[in-house]
């Protein structure tokens, strides 16, 4: 399947296959220093130094891959479903006002809190 990459002005720039998009996403994710620090802090807690380490890392990596794939797929599906709700300009305005009000209330709560 081929996807169109859309530029800032809505014009089609290039066509990318699913594999190209996956490689690009992987490259961005693997180069994120926060991810490297996260896994560097998380994985050693689950590694038994008395056992072979490579199989343990493989199991941890595959487990993380499955959990992350399911989570991101759920986000994508939910976002796709919710985006239809935002077709109405009135609903977008209602959403913006509601979330803005929630941020104001949260800020007021923080300002009023004391330790």
PDB file of N, CA and C in Angstrom:
ATOM      1  N   UNK A   1       0.837  -1.160   0.000  1.00  0.00           N
ATOM      2  CA  UNK A   1       0.000   0.000   0.000  1.00  0.00           C
ATOM      3  C   UNK A   1       0.891   1.235   0.000  1.00  0.00           C
ATOM      4  N   UNK A   2       0.494   2.260  -0.709  1.00  0.00           N
ATOM      5  CA  UNK A   2       1.278   3.481  -0.837  1.00  0.00           C
ATOM      6  C   UNK A   2       0.502   4.625  -0.213  1.00  0.00           C
ATOM      7  N   UNK A   3       1.186   5.455   0.560  1.00  0.00           N
ATOM      8  CA  UNK A   3       0.558   6.579   1.233  1.00  0.00           C
ATOM      9  C   UNK A   3       1.133   7.872   0.685  1.00  0.00           C
ATOM     10  N   UNK A   4       0.298   8.912   0.668  1.00  0.00           N
ATOM     11  CA  UNK A   4       0.763  10.232   0.269  1.00  0.00           C
ATOM     12  C   UNK A   4       1.223  10.971   1.517  1.00  0.00           C
ATOM     13  N   UNK A   5       2.396  11.608   1.418  1.00  0.00           N
ATOM     14  CA  UNK A   5       2.863  12.471   2.489  1.00  0.00           C
ATOM     15  C   UNK A   5       2.403  13.881   2.154  1.00  0.00           C
ATOM     16  N   UNK A   6       1.686  14.495   3.059  1.00  0.00           N
ATOM     17  CA  UNK A   6       1.099  15.805   2.791  1.00  0.00           C
ATOM     18  C   UNK A   6       1.941  16.870   3.459  1.00  0.00           C
ATOM     19  N   UNK A   7       2.250  17.934   2.714  1.00  0.00           N
ATOM     20  CA  UNK A   7       3.041  19.039   3.229  1.00  0.00           C
ATOM     21  C   UNK A   7       2.208  19.978   4.069  1.00  0.00           C
ATOM     22  N   UNK A   8       2.841  21.066   4.512  1.00  0.00           N
ATOM     23  CA  UNK A   8       2.182  22.025   5.386  1.00  0.00           C
ATOM     24  C   UNK A   8       0.980  22.685   4.717  1.00  0.00           C
ATOM     25  N   UNK A   9       1.045  22.909   3.429  1.00  0.00           N
ATOM     26  CA  UNK A   9      -0.031  23.595   2.723  1.00  0.00           C
ATOM     27  C   UNK A   9      -1.030  22.612   2.130  1.00  0.00           C
ATOM     28  N   UNK A  10      -0.966  21.355   2.523  1.00  0.00           N
ATOM     29  CA  UNK A  10      -1.918  20.369   2.057  1.00  0.00           C
ATOM     30  C   UNK A  10      -1.574  19.788   0.691  1.00  0.00           C
ATOM     31  N   UNK A  11      -0.413  20.116   0.161  1.00  0.00           N
ATOM     32  CA  UNK A  11      -0.016  19.600  -1.143  1.00  0.00           C
ATOM     33  C   UNK A  11       0.738  18.283  -0.957  1.00  0.00           C
ATOM     34  N   UNK A  12       0.514  17.364  -1.854  1.00  0.00           N
ATOM     35  CA  UNK A  12       1.196  16.082  -1.778  1.00  0.00           C
ATOM     36  C   UNK A  12       2.657  16.266  -2.142  1.00  0.00           C
ATOM     37  N   UNK A  13       3.564  15.793  -1.255  1.00  0.00           N
ATOM     38  CA  UNK A  13       4.995  15.936  -1.500  1.00  0.00           C
ATOM     39  C   UNK A  13       5.589  14.677  -2.109  1.00  0.00           C
ATOM     40  N   UNK A  14       5.351  13.557  -1.479  1.00  0.00           N
ATOM     41  CA  UNK A  14       5.981  12.321  -1.939  1.00  0.00           C
ATOM     42  C   UNK A  14       5.069  11.156  -1.572  1.00  0.00           C
ATOM     43  N   UNK A  15       5.342  10.022  -2.174  1.00  0.00           N
ATOM     44  CA  UNK A  15       4.572   8.831  -1.859  1.00  0.00           C
ATOM     45  C   UNK A  15       5.476   7.889  -1.079  1.00  0.00           C
ATOM     46  N   UNK A  16       4.947   7.315  -0.021  1.00  0.00           N
ATOM     47  CA  UNK A  16       5.735   6.438   0.829  1.00  0.00           C
ATOM     48  C   UNK A  16       4.963   5.140   1.055  1.00  0.00           C
ATOM     49  N   UNK A  17       5.711   4.040   1.042  1.00  0.00           N
ATOM     50  CA  UNK A  17       5.081   2.757   1.334  1.00  0.00           C
ATOM     51  C   UNK A  17       4.983   2.583   2.847  1.00  0.00           C
ATOM     52  N   UNK A  18       4.209   1.616   3.250  1.00  0.00           N
ATOM     53  CA  UNK A  18       4.063   1.329   4.677  1.00  0.00           C
ATOM     54  C   UNK A  18       5.413   0.980   5.287  1.00  0.00           C
ATOM     55  N   UNK A  19       6.233   0.232   4.568  1.00  0.00           N
ATOM     56  CA  UNK A  19       7.544  -0.173   5.068  1.00  0.00           C
ATOM     57  C   UNK A  19       8.440   1.046   5.256  1.00  0.00           C
ATOM     58  N   UNK A  20       8.411   2.004   4.337  1.00  0.00           N
ATOM     59  CA  UNK A  20       9.218   3.213   4.467  1.00  0.00           C
ATOM     60  C   UNK A  20       8.780   4.024   5.682  1.00  0.00           C
ATOM     61  N   UNK A  21       7.472   4.124   5.897  1.00  0.00           N
ATOM     62  CA  UNK A  21       6.975   4.852   7.055  1.00  0.00           C
ATOM     63  C   UNK A  21       7.371   4.148   8.351  1.00  0.00           C
ATOM     64  N   UNK A  22       7.336   2.821   8.348  1.00  0.00           N
ATOM     65  CA  UNK A  22       7.730   2.045   9.523  1.00  0.00           C
ATOM     66  C   UNK A  22       9.218   2.249   9.829  1.00  0.00           C
ATOM     67  N   UNK A  23      10.048   2.198   8.805  1.00  0.00           N
ATOM     68  CA  UNK A  23      11.487   2.417   8.998  1.00  0.00           C
ATOM     69  C   UNK A  23      11.767   3.814   9.530  1.00  0.00           C
ATOM     70  N   UNK A  24      11.073   4.804   8.992  1.00  0.00           N
ATOM     71  CA  UNK A  24      11.259   6.178   9.458  1.00  0.00           C
ATOM     72  C   UNK A  24      10.854   6.305  10.927  1.00  0.00           C
ATOM     73  N   UNK A  25       9.713   5.732  11.294  1.00  0.00           N
ATOM     74  CA  UNK A  25       9.266   5.767  12.685  1.00  0.00           C
ATOM     75  C   UNK A  25      10.237   5.051  13.611  1.00  0.00           C
ATOM     76  N   UNK A  26      10.764   3.913  13.164  1.00  0.00           N
ATOM     77  CA  UNK A  26      11.743   3.182  13.968  1.00  0.00           C
ATOM     78  C   UNK A  26      13.003   4.014  14.165  1.00  0.00           C
ATOM     79  N   UNK A  27      13.469   4.646  13.095  1.00  0.00           N
ATOM     80  CA  UNK A  27      14.673   5.482  13.181  1.00  0.00           C
ATOM     81  C   UNK A  27      14.505   6.631  14.158  1.00  0.00           C
ATOM     82  N   UNK A  28      13.339   7.242  14.129  1.00  0.00           N
ATOM     83  CA  UNK A  28      13.072   8.345  15.053  1.00  0.00           C
ATOM     84  C   UNK A  28      12.997   7.817  16.484  1.00  0.00           C
ATOM     85  N   UNK A  29      12.307   6.700  16.676  1.00  0.00           N
ATOM     86  CA  UNK A  29      12.153   6.143  18.014  1.00  0.00           C
ATOM     87  C   UNK A  29      13.461   5.657  18.610  1.00  0.00           C
ATOM     88  N   UNK A  30      14.282   4.981  17.825  1.00  0.00           N
ATOM     89  CA  UNK A  30      15.521   4.403  18.351  1.00  0.00           C
ATOM     90  C   UNK A  30      16.563   5.479  18.651  1.00  0.00           C
ATOM     91  N   UNK A  31      16.423   6.633  18.014  1.00  0.00           N
ATOM     92  CA  UNK A  31      17.392   7.709  18.252  1.00  0.00           C
ATOM     93  C   UNK A  31      16.949   8.643  19.377  1.00  0.00           C
ATOM     94  N   UNK A  32      15.814   8.366  19.991  1.00  0.00           N
ATOM     95  CA  UNK A  32      15.312   9.197  21.076  1.00  0.00           C
ATOM     96  C   UNK A  32      16.079   8.874  22.360  1.00  0.00           C
ATOM     97  N   UNK A  33      16.835   9.820  22.896  1.00  0.00           N
ATOM     98  CA  UNK A  33      17.624   9.521  24.099  1.00  0.00           C
ATOM     99  C   UNK A  33      16.753   9.193  25.317  1.00  0.00           C
ATOM    100  N   UNK A  34      15.549   9.713  25.373  1.00  0.00           N
ATOM    101  CA  UNK A  34      14.666   9.382  26.500  1.00  0.00           C
ATOM    102  C   UNK A  34      14.326   7.898  26.492  1.00  0.00           C
ATOM    103  N   UNK A  35      14.089   7.345  25.307  1.00  0.00           N
ATOM    104  CA  UNK A  35      13.801   5.908  25.213  1.00  0.00           C
ATOM    105  C   UNK A  35      14.999   5.085  25.650  1.00  0.00           C
ATOM    106  N   UNK A  36      16.179   5.488  25.223  1.00  0.00           N
ATOM    107  CA  UNK A  36      17.389   4.752  25.608  1.00  0.00           C
ATOM    108  C   UNK A  36      17.588   4.778  27.119  1.00  0.00           C
ATOM    109  N   UNK A  37      17.369   5.930  27.736  1.00  0.00           N
ATOM    110  CA  UNK A  37      17.489   6.021  29.194  1.00  0.00           C
ATOM    111  C   UNK A  37      16.407   5.193  29.887  1.00  0.00           C
ATOM    112  N   UNK A  38      15.193   5.236  29.352  1.00  0.00           N
ATOM    113  CA  UNK A  38      14.089   4.473  29.938  1.00  0.00           C
ATOM    114  C   UNK A  38      14.392   2.979  29.936  1.00  0.00           C
ATOM    115  N   UNK A  39      14.792   2.457  28.779  1.00  0.00           N
ATOM    116  CA  UNK A  39      15.071   1.026  28.700  1.00  0.00           C
ATOM    117  C   UNK A  39      16.329   0.661  29.474  1.00  0.00           C
ATOM    118  N   UNK A  40      17.295   1.574  29.513  1.00  0.00           N
ATOM    119  CA  UNK A  40      18.504   1.338  30.306  1.00  0.00           C
ATOM    120  C   UNK A  40      18.204   1.253  31.797  1.00  0.00           C
ATOM    121  N   UNK A  41      17.165   1.957  32.231  1.00  0.00           N
ATOM    122  CA  UNK A  41      16.772   1.897  33.642  1.00  0.00           C
ATOM    123  C   UNK A  41      15.790   0.758  33.913  1.00  0.00           C
ATOM    124  N   UNK A  42      14.966   0.416  32.937  1.00  0.00           N
ATOM    125  CA  UNK A  42      13.922  -0.593  33.148  1.00  0.00           C
ATOM    126  C   UNK A  42      14.442  -2.021  33.024  1.00  0.00           C
ATOM    127  N   UNK A  43      15.125  -2.323  31.946  1.00  0.00           N
ATOM    128  CA  UNK A  43      15.491  -3.708  31.657  1.00  0.00           C
ATOM    129  C   UNK A  43      16.391  -4.360  32.712  1.00  0.00           C
ATOM    130  N   UNK A  44      17.393  -3.677  33.251  1.00  0.00           N
ATOM    131  CA  UNK A  44      18.255  -4.364  34.234  1.00  0.00           C
ATOM    132  C   UNK A  44      17.502  -4.885  35.460  1.00  0.00           C
ATOM    133  N   UNK A  45      16.366  -4.293  35.782  1.00  0.00           N
ATOM    134  CA  UNK A  45      15.597  -4.764  36.932  1.00  0.00           C
ATOM    135  C   UNK A  45      14.996  -6.144  36.707  1.00  0.00           C
ATOM    136  N   UNK A  46      14.896  -6.559  35.460  1.00  0.00           N
ATOM    137  CA  UNK A  46      14.260  -7.839  35.135  1.00  0.00           C
ATOM    138  C   UNK A  46      15.252  -8.865  34.592  1.00  0.00           C
ATOM    139  N   UNK A  47      16.526  -8.571  34.652  1.00  0.00           N
ATOM    140  CA  UNK A  47      17.555  -9.472  34.132  1.00  0.00           C
ATOM    141  C   UNK A  47      18.211 -10.216  35.304  1.00  0.00           C
ATOM    142  N   UNK A  48      18.240 -11.532  35.178  1.00  0.00           N
ATOM    143  CA  UNK A  48      18.921 -12.375  36.168  1.00  0.00           C
ATOM    144  C   UNK A  48      20.346 -12.586  35.670  1.00  0.00           C
ATOM    145  N   UNK A  49      21.297 -12.041  36.392  1.00  0.00           N
ATOM    146  CA  UNK A  49      22.694 -12.092  35.944  1.00  0.00           C
ATOM    147  C   UNK A  49      23.255 -13.520  35.956  1.00  0.00           C
ATOM    148  N   UNK A  50      22.629 -14.435  36.664  1.00  0.00           N
ATOM    149  CA  UNK A  50      23.106 -15.821  36.719  1.00  0.00           C
ATOM    150  C   UNK A  50      22.677 -16.613  35.487  1.00  0.00           C
ATOM    151  N   UNK A  51      21.745 -16.092  34.718  1.00  0.00           N
ATOM    152  CA  UNK A  51      21.230 -16.769  33.526  1.00  0.00           C
ATOM    153  C   UNK A  51      21.778 -16.088  32.267  1.00  0.00           C
ATOM    154  N   UNK A  52      21.700 -16.774  31.112  1.00  0.00           N
ATOM    155  CA  UNK A  52      22.118 -16.127  29.861  1.00  0.00           C
ATOM    156  C   UNK A  52      21.282 -14.857  29.616  1.00  0.00           C
ATOM    157  N   UNK A  53      21.967 -13.775  29.287  1.00  0.00           N
ATOM    158  CA  UNK A  53      21.290 -12.484  29.222  1.00  0.00           C
ATOM    159  C   UNK A  53      20.591 -12.223  27.895  1.00  0.00           C
ATOM    160  N   UNK A  54      21.137 -12.695  26.798  1.00  0.00           N
ATOM    161  CA  UNK A  54      20.541 -12.406  25.496  1.00  0.00           C
ATOM    162  C   UNK A  54      19.097 -12.899  25.386  1.00  0.00           C
ATOM    163  N   UNK A  55      18.794 -14.150  25.771  1.00  0.00           N
ATOM    164  CA  UNK A  55      17.391 -14.582  25.700  1.00  0.00           C
ATOM    165  C   UNK A  55      16.465 -13.731  26.582  1.00  0.00           C
ATOM    166  N   UNK A  56      16.970 -13.268  27.708  1.00  0.00           N
ATOM    167  CA  UNK A  56      16.159 -12.423  28.585  1.00  0.00           C
ATOM    168  C   UNK A  56      15.862 -11.076  27.918  1.00  0.00           C
ATOM    169  N   UNK A  57      16.875 -10.507  27.280  1.00  0.00           N
ATOM    170  CA  UNK A  57      16.665  -9.253  26.569  1.00  0.00           C
ATOM    171  C   UNK A  57      15.687  -9.437  25.412  1.00  0.00           C
ATOM    172  N   UNK A  58      15.783 -10.556  24.727  1.00  0.00           N
ATOM    173  CA  UNK A  58      14.871 -10.812  23.608  1.00  0.00           C
ATOM    174  C   UNK A  58      13.433 -10.916  24.107  1.00  0.00           C
ATOM    175  N   UNK A  59      13.217 -11.632  25.201  1.00  0.00           N
ATOM    176  CA  UNK A  59      11.868 -11.763  25.754  1.00  0.00           C
ATOM    177  C   UNK A  59      11.338 -10.403  26.199  1.00  0.00           C
ATOM    178  N   UNK A  60      12.164  -9.619  26.874  1.00  0.00           N
ATOM    179  CA  UNK A  60      11.742  -8.290  27.308  1.00  0.00           C
ATOM    180  C   UNK A  60      11.422  -7.390  26.119  1.00  0.00           C
ATOM    181  N   UNK A  61      12.278  -7.426  25.099  1.00  0.00           N
ATOM    182  CA  UNK A  61      12.059  -6.582  23.920  1.00  0.00           C
ATOM    183  C   UNK A  61      10.790  -6.983  23.174  1.00  0.00           C
ATOM    184  N   UNK A  62      10.570  -8.280  22.997  1.00  0.00           N
ATOM    185  CA  UNK A  62       9.359  -8.736  22.316  1.00  0.00           C
ATOM    186  C   UNK A  62       8.103  -8.418  23.119  1.00  0.00           C
ATOM    187  N   UNK A  63       8.194  -8.563  24.438  1.00  0.00           N
ATOM    188  CA  UNK A  63       7.056  -8.205  25.289  1.00  0.00           C
ATOM    189  C   UNK A  63       6.732  -6.723  25.155  1.00  0.00           C
ATOM    190  N   UNK A  64       7.775  -5.897  25.205  1.00  0.00           N
ATOM    191  CA  UNK A  64       7.570  -4.451  25.049  1.00  0.00           C
ATOM    192  C   UNK A  64       7.006  -4.140  23.662  1.00  0.00           C
ATOM    193  N   UNK A  65       7.488  -4.802  22.647  1.00  0.00           N
ATOM    194  CA  UNK A  65       7.014  -4.567  21.284  1.00  0.00           C
ATOM    195  C   UNK A  65       5.526  -4.880  21.166  1.00  0.00           C
ATOM    196  N   UNK A  66       5.088  -6.012  21.718  1.00  0.00           N
ATOM    197  CA  UNK A  66       3.675  -6.391  21.638  1.00  0.00           C
ATOM    198  C   UNK A  66       2.809  -5.398  22.413  1.00  0.00           C
ATOM    199  N   UNK A  67       3.220  -5.054  23.621  1.00  0.00           N
ATOM    200  CA  UNK A  67       2.447  -4.106  24.435  1.00  0.00           C
ATOM    201  C   UNK A  67       2.377  -2.756  23.738  1.00  0.00           C
ATOM    202  N   UNK A  68       3.505  -2.276  23.223  1.00  0.00           N
ATOM    203  CA  UNK A  68       3.544  -0.980  22.545  1.00  0.00           C
ATOM    204  C   UNK A  68       2.713  -1.002  21.265  1.00  0.00           C
ATOM    205  N   UNK A  69       2.787  -2.071  20.501  1.00  0.00           N
ATOM    206  CA  UNK A  69       2.005  -2.182  19.274  1.00  0.00           C
ATOM    207  C   UNK A  69       0.508  -2.161  19.577  1.00  0.00           C
ATOM    208  N   UNK A  70       0.089  -2.905  20.592  1.00  0.00           N
ATOM    209  CA  UNK A  70      -1.323  -2.906  20.969  1.00  0.00           C
ATOM    210  C   UNK A  70      -1.773  -1.531  21.467  1.00  0.00           C
ATOM    211  N   UNK A  71      -0.948  -0.893  22.270  1.00  0.00           N
ATOM    212  CA  UNK A  71      -1.288   0.430  22.799  1.00  0.00           C
ATOM    213  C   UNK A  71      -1.396   1.458  21.680  1.00  0.00           C
ATOM    214  N   UNK A  72      -0.405   1.509  20.815  1.00  0.00           N
ATOM    215  CA  UNK A  72      -0.407   2.496  19.734  1.00  0.00           C
ATOM    216  C   UNK A  72      -1.526   2.214  18.724  1.00  0.00           C
ATOM    217  N   UNK A  73      -1.819   0.949  18.482  1.00  0.00           N
ATOM    218  CA  UNK A  73      -2.930   0.613  17.588  1.00  0.00           C
ATOM    219  C   UNK A  73      -4.258   1.058  18.186  1.00  0.00           C
ATOM    220  N   UNK A  74      -4.392   0.895  19.500  1.00  0.00           N
ATOM    221  CA  UNK A  74      -5.606   1.351  20.180  1.00  0.00           C
ATOM    222  C   UNK A  74      -5.726   2.864  20.085  1.00  0.00           C
ATOM    223  N   UNK A  75      -4.621   3.589  20.304  1.00  0.00           N
ATOM    224  CA  UNK A  75      -4.632   5.046  20.170  1.00  0.00           C
ATOM    225  C   UNK A  75      -5.022   5.462  18.753  1.00  0.00           C
ATOM    226  N   UNK A  76      -4.451   4.796  17.766  1.00  0.00           N
ATOM    227  CA  UNK A  76      -4.737   5.153  16.372  1.00  0.00           C
ATOM    228  C   UNK A  76      -6.198   4.899  16.038  1.00  0.00           C
ATOM    229  N   UNK A  77      -6.713   3.767  16.474  1.00  0.00           N
ATOM    230  CA  UNK A  77      -8.116   3.452  16.204  1.00  0.00           C
ATOM    231  C   UNK A  77      -9.042   4.432  16.915  1.00  0.00           C
ATOM    232  N   UNK A  78      -8.745   4.725  18.178  1.00  0.00           N
ATOM    233  CA  UNK A  78      -9.568   5.683  18.929  1.00  0.00           C
ATOM    234  C   UNK A  78      -9.497   7.065  18.282  1.00  0.00           C
ATOM    235  N   UNK A  79      -8.301   7.472  17.884  1.00  0.00           N
ATOM    236  CA  UNK A  79      -8.151   8.777  17.225  1.00  0.00           C
ATOM    237  C   UNK A  79      -8.909   8.847  15.918  1.00  0.00           C
ATOM    238  N   UNK A  80      -8.887   7.767  15.169  1.00  0.00           N
ATOM    239  CA  UNK A  80      -9.621   7.719  13.901  1.00  0.00           C
ATOM    240  C   UNK A  80     -11.118   7.807  14.154  1.00  0.00           C
ATOM    241  N   UNK A  81     -11.587   7.110  15.171  1.00  0.00           N
ATOM    242  CA  UNK A  81     -13.015   7.138  15.487  1.00  0.00           C
ATOM    243  C   UNK A  81     -13.439   8.508  16.018  1.00  0.00           C
ATOM    244  N   UNK A  82     -12.632   9.077  16.896  1.00  0.00           N
ATOM    245  CA  UNK A  82     -12.964  10.370  17.495  1.00  0.00           C
ATOM    246  C   UNK A  82     -12.871  11.494  16.461  1.00  0.00           C
ATOM    247  N   UNK A  83     -11.978  11.371  15.499  1.00  0.00           N
ATOM    248  CA  UNK A  83     -11.804  12.453  14.520  1.00  0.00           C
ATOM    249  C   UNK A  83     -13.086  12.717  13.732  1.00  0.00           C
ATOM    250  N   UNK A  84     -13.912  11.714  13.554  1.00  0.00           N
ATOM    251  CA  UNK A  84     -15.190  11.919  12.858  1.00  0.00           C
ATOM    252  C   UNK A  84     -16.101  12.846  13.651  1.00  0.00           C
ATOM    253  N   UNK A  85     -15.973  12.810  14.976  1.00  0.00           N
ATOM    254  CA  UNK A  85     -16.796  13.652  15.832  1.00  0.00           C
ATOM    255  C   UNK A  85     -16.427  15.124  15.646  1.00  0.00           C
ATOM    256  N   UNK A  86     -15.171  15.387  15.278  1.00  0.00           N
ATOM    257  CA  UNK A  86     -14.688  16.761  15.120  1.00  0.00           C
ATOM    258  C   UNK A  86     -14.935  17.327  13.729  1.00  0.00           C
ATOM    259  N   UNK A  87     -15.761  16.694  12.939  1.00  0.00           N
ATOM    260  CA  UNK A  87     -16.101  17.246  11.625  1.00  0.00           C
ATOM    261  C   UNK A  87     -16.918  18.528  11.752  1.00  0.00           C
ATOM    262  N   UNK A  88     -17.614  18.672  12.854  1.00  0.00           N
ATOM    263  CA  UNK A  88     -18.446  19.848  13.093  1.00  0.00           C
ATOM    264  C   UNK A  88     -17.620  20.949  13.757  1.00  0.00           C
ATOM    265  N   UNK A  89     -17.697  22.152  13.197  1.00  0.00           N
ATOM    266  CA  UNK A  89     -16.981  23.291  13.766  1.00  0.00           C
ATOM    267  C   UNK A  89     -17.484  23.600  15.176  1.00  0.00           C
ATOM    268  N   UNK A  90     -18.775  23.397  15.405  1.00  0.00           N
ATOM    269  CA  UNK A  90     -19.383  23.634  16.710  1.00  0.00           C
ATOM    270  C   UNK A  90     -18.798  22.694  17.763  1.00  0.00           C
ATOM    271  N   UNK A  91     -18.596  21.443  17.400  1.00  0.00           N
ATOM    272  CA  UNK A  91     -18.038  20.474  18.341  1.00  0.00           C
ATOM    273  C   UNK A  91     -16.580  20.788  18.663  1.00  0.00           C
ATOM    274  N   UNK A  92     -15.831  21.241  17.681  1.00  0.00           N
ATOM    275  CA  UNK A  92     -14.433  21.616  17.917  1.00  0.00           C
ATOM    276  C   UNK A  92     -14.383  22.779  18.908  1.00  0.00           C
ATOM    277  N   UNK A  93     -15.232  23.770  18.708  1.00  0.00           N
ATOM    278  CA  UNK A  93     -15.277  24.926  19.604  1.00  0.00           C
ATOM    279  C   UNK A  93     -15.674  24.474  21.026  1.00  0.00           C
ATOM    280  N   UNK A  94     -16.659  23.585  21.129  1.00  0.00           N
ATOM    281  CA  UNK A  94     -17.073  23.060  22.433  1.00  0.00           C
ATOM    282  C   UNK A  94     -15.926  22.315  23.112  1.00  0.00           C
ATOM    283  N   UNK A  95     -15.224  21.504  22.350  1.00  0.00           N
ATOM    284  CA  UNK A  95     -14.085  20.765  22.895  1.00  0.00           C
ATOM    285  C   UNK A  95     -13.000  21.717  23.392  1.00  0.00           C
ATOM    286  N   UNK A  96     -12.673  22.720  22.586  1.00  0.00           N
ATOM    287  CA  UNK A  96     -11.640  23.683  22.980  1.00  0.00           C
ATOM    288  C   UNK A  96     -12.034  24.440  24.240  1.00  0.00           C
ATOM    289  N   UNK A  97     -13.273  24.843  24.326  1.00  0.00           N
ATOM    290  CA  UNK A  97     -13.728  25.568  25.512  1.00  0.00           C
ATOM    291  C   UNK A  97     -13.737  24.671  26.742  1.00  0.00           C
ATOM    292  N   UNK A  98     -14.155  23.426  26.569  1.00  0.00           N
ATOM    293  CA  UNK A  98     -14.195  22.493  27.697  1.00  0.00           C
ATOM    294  C   UNK A  98     -12.797  22.201  28.215  1.00  0.00           C
ATOM    295  N   UNK A  99     -11.885  21.847  27.325  1.00  0.00           N
ATOM    296  CA  UNK A  99     -10.522  21.529  27.767  1.00  0.00           C
ATOM    297  C   UNK A  99      -9.817  22.769  28.305  1.00  0.00           C
ATOM    298  N   UNK A 100     -10.059  23.923  27.700  1.00  0.00           N
ATOM    299  CA  UNK A 100      -9.490  25.166  28.225  1.00  0.00           C
ATOM    300  C   UNK A 100      -9.981  25.445  29.632  1.00  0.00           C
ATOM    301  N   UNK A 101     -11.257  25.229  29.866  1.00  0.00           N
ATOM    302  CA  UNK A 101     -11.823  25.435  31.204  1.00  0.00           C
ATOM    303  C   UNK A 101     -11.213  24.462  32.208  1.00  0.00           C
ATOM    304  N   UNK A 102     -11.009  23.228  31.793  1.00  0.00           N
ATOM    305  CA  UNK A 102     -10.387  22.246  32.682  1.00  0.00           C
ATOM    306  C   UNK A 102      -8.965  22.653  33.053  1.00  0.00           C
ATOM    307  N   UNK A 103      -8.221  23.208  32.099  1.00  0.00           N
ATOM    308  CA  UNK A 103      -6.868  23.686  32.394  1.00  0.00           C
ATOM    309  C   UNK A 103      -6.899  24.868  33.366  1.00  0.00           C
ATOM    310  N   UNK A 104      -7.863  25.771  33.198  1.00  0.00           N
ATOM    311  CA  UNK A 104      -7.990  26.907  34.114  1.00  0.00           C
ATOM    312  C   UNK A 104      -8.311  26.408  35.523  1.00  0.00           C
ATOM    313  N   UNK A 105      -9.250  25.459  35.629  1.00  0.00           N
ATOM    314  CA  UNK A 105      -9.604  24.894  36.942  1.00  0.00           C
ATOM    315  C   UNK A 105      -8.387  24.193  37.578  1.00  0.00           C
ATOM    316  N   UNK A 106      -7.660  23.430  36.761  1.00  0.00           N
ATOM    317  CA  UNK A 106      -6.469  22.748  37.288  1.00  0.00           C
ATOM    318  C   UNK A 106      -5.422  23.756  37.746  1.00  0.00           C
ATOM    319  N   UNK A 107      -5.233  24.820  36.979  1.00  0.00           N
ATOM    320  CA  UNK A 107      -4.280  25.865  37.383  1.00  0.00           C
ATOM    321  C   UNK A 107      -4.713  26.564  38.648  1.00  0.00           C
ATOM    322  N   UNK A 108      -6.006  26.839  38.766  1.00  0.00           N
ATOM    323  CA  UNK A 108      -6.524  27.473  39.983  1.00  0.00           C
ATOM    324  C   UNK A 108      -6.354  26.530  41.177  1.00  0.00           C
ATOM    325  N   UNK A 109      -6.571  25.246  40.961  1.00  0.00           N
ATOM    326  CA  UNK A 109      -6.374  24.269  42.038  1.00  0.00           C
ATOM    327  C   UNK A 109      -4.928  24.226  42.486  1.00  0.00           C
ATOM    328  N   UNK A 110      -4.001  24.280  41.546  1.00  0.00           N
ATOM    329  CA  UNK A 110      -2.585  24.301  41.906  1.00  0.00           C
ATOM    330  C   UNK A 110      -2.209  25.571  42.635  1.00  0.00           C
ATOM    331  N   UNK A 111      -2.753  26.702  42.167  1.00  0.00           N
ATOM    332  CA  UNK A 111      -2.452  27.979  42.817  1.00  0.00           C
ATOM    333  C   UNK A 111      -3.012  28.026  44.237  1.00  0.00           C
ATOM    334  N   UNK A 112      -4.156  27.397  44.434  1.00  0.00           N
ATOM    335  CA  UNK A 112      -4.796  27.423  45.749  1.00  0.00           C
ATOM    336  C   UNK A 112      -4.205  26.394  46.707  1.00  0.00           C
ATOM    337  N   UNK A 113      -3.526  25.398  46.176  1.00  0.00           N
ATOM    338  CA  UNK A 113      -2.969  24.362  47.046  1.00  0.00           C
ATOM    339  C   UNK A 113      -1.748  24.901  47.789  1.00  0.00           C
ATOM    340  N   UNK A 114      -1.525  24.384  48.942  1.00  0.00           N
ATOM    341  CA  UNK A 114      -0.364  24.807  49.730  1.00  0.00           C
ATOM    342  C   UNK A 114       0.163  23.617  50.496  1.00  0.00           C
ATOM    343  N   UNK A 115       1.446  23.620  50.684  1.00  0.00           N
ATOM    344  CA  UNK A 115       2.117  22.534  51.396  1.00  0.00           C
ATOM    345  C   UNK A 115       2.752  23.060  52.638  1.00  0.00           C
TER     346      UNK A 115
END
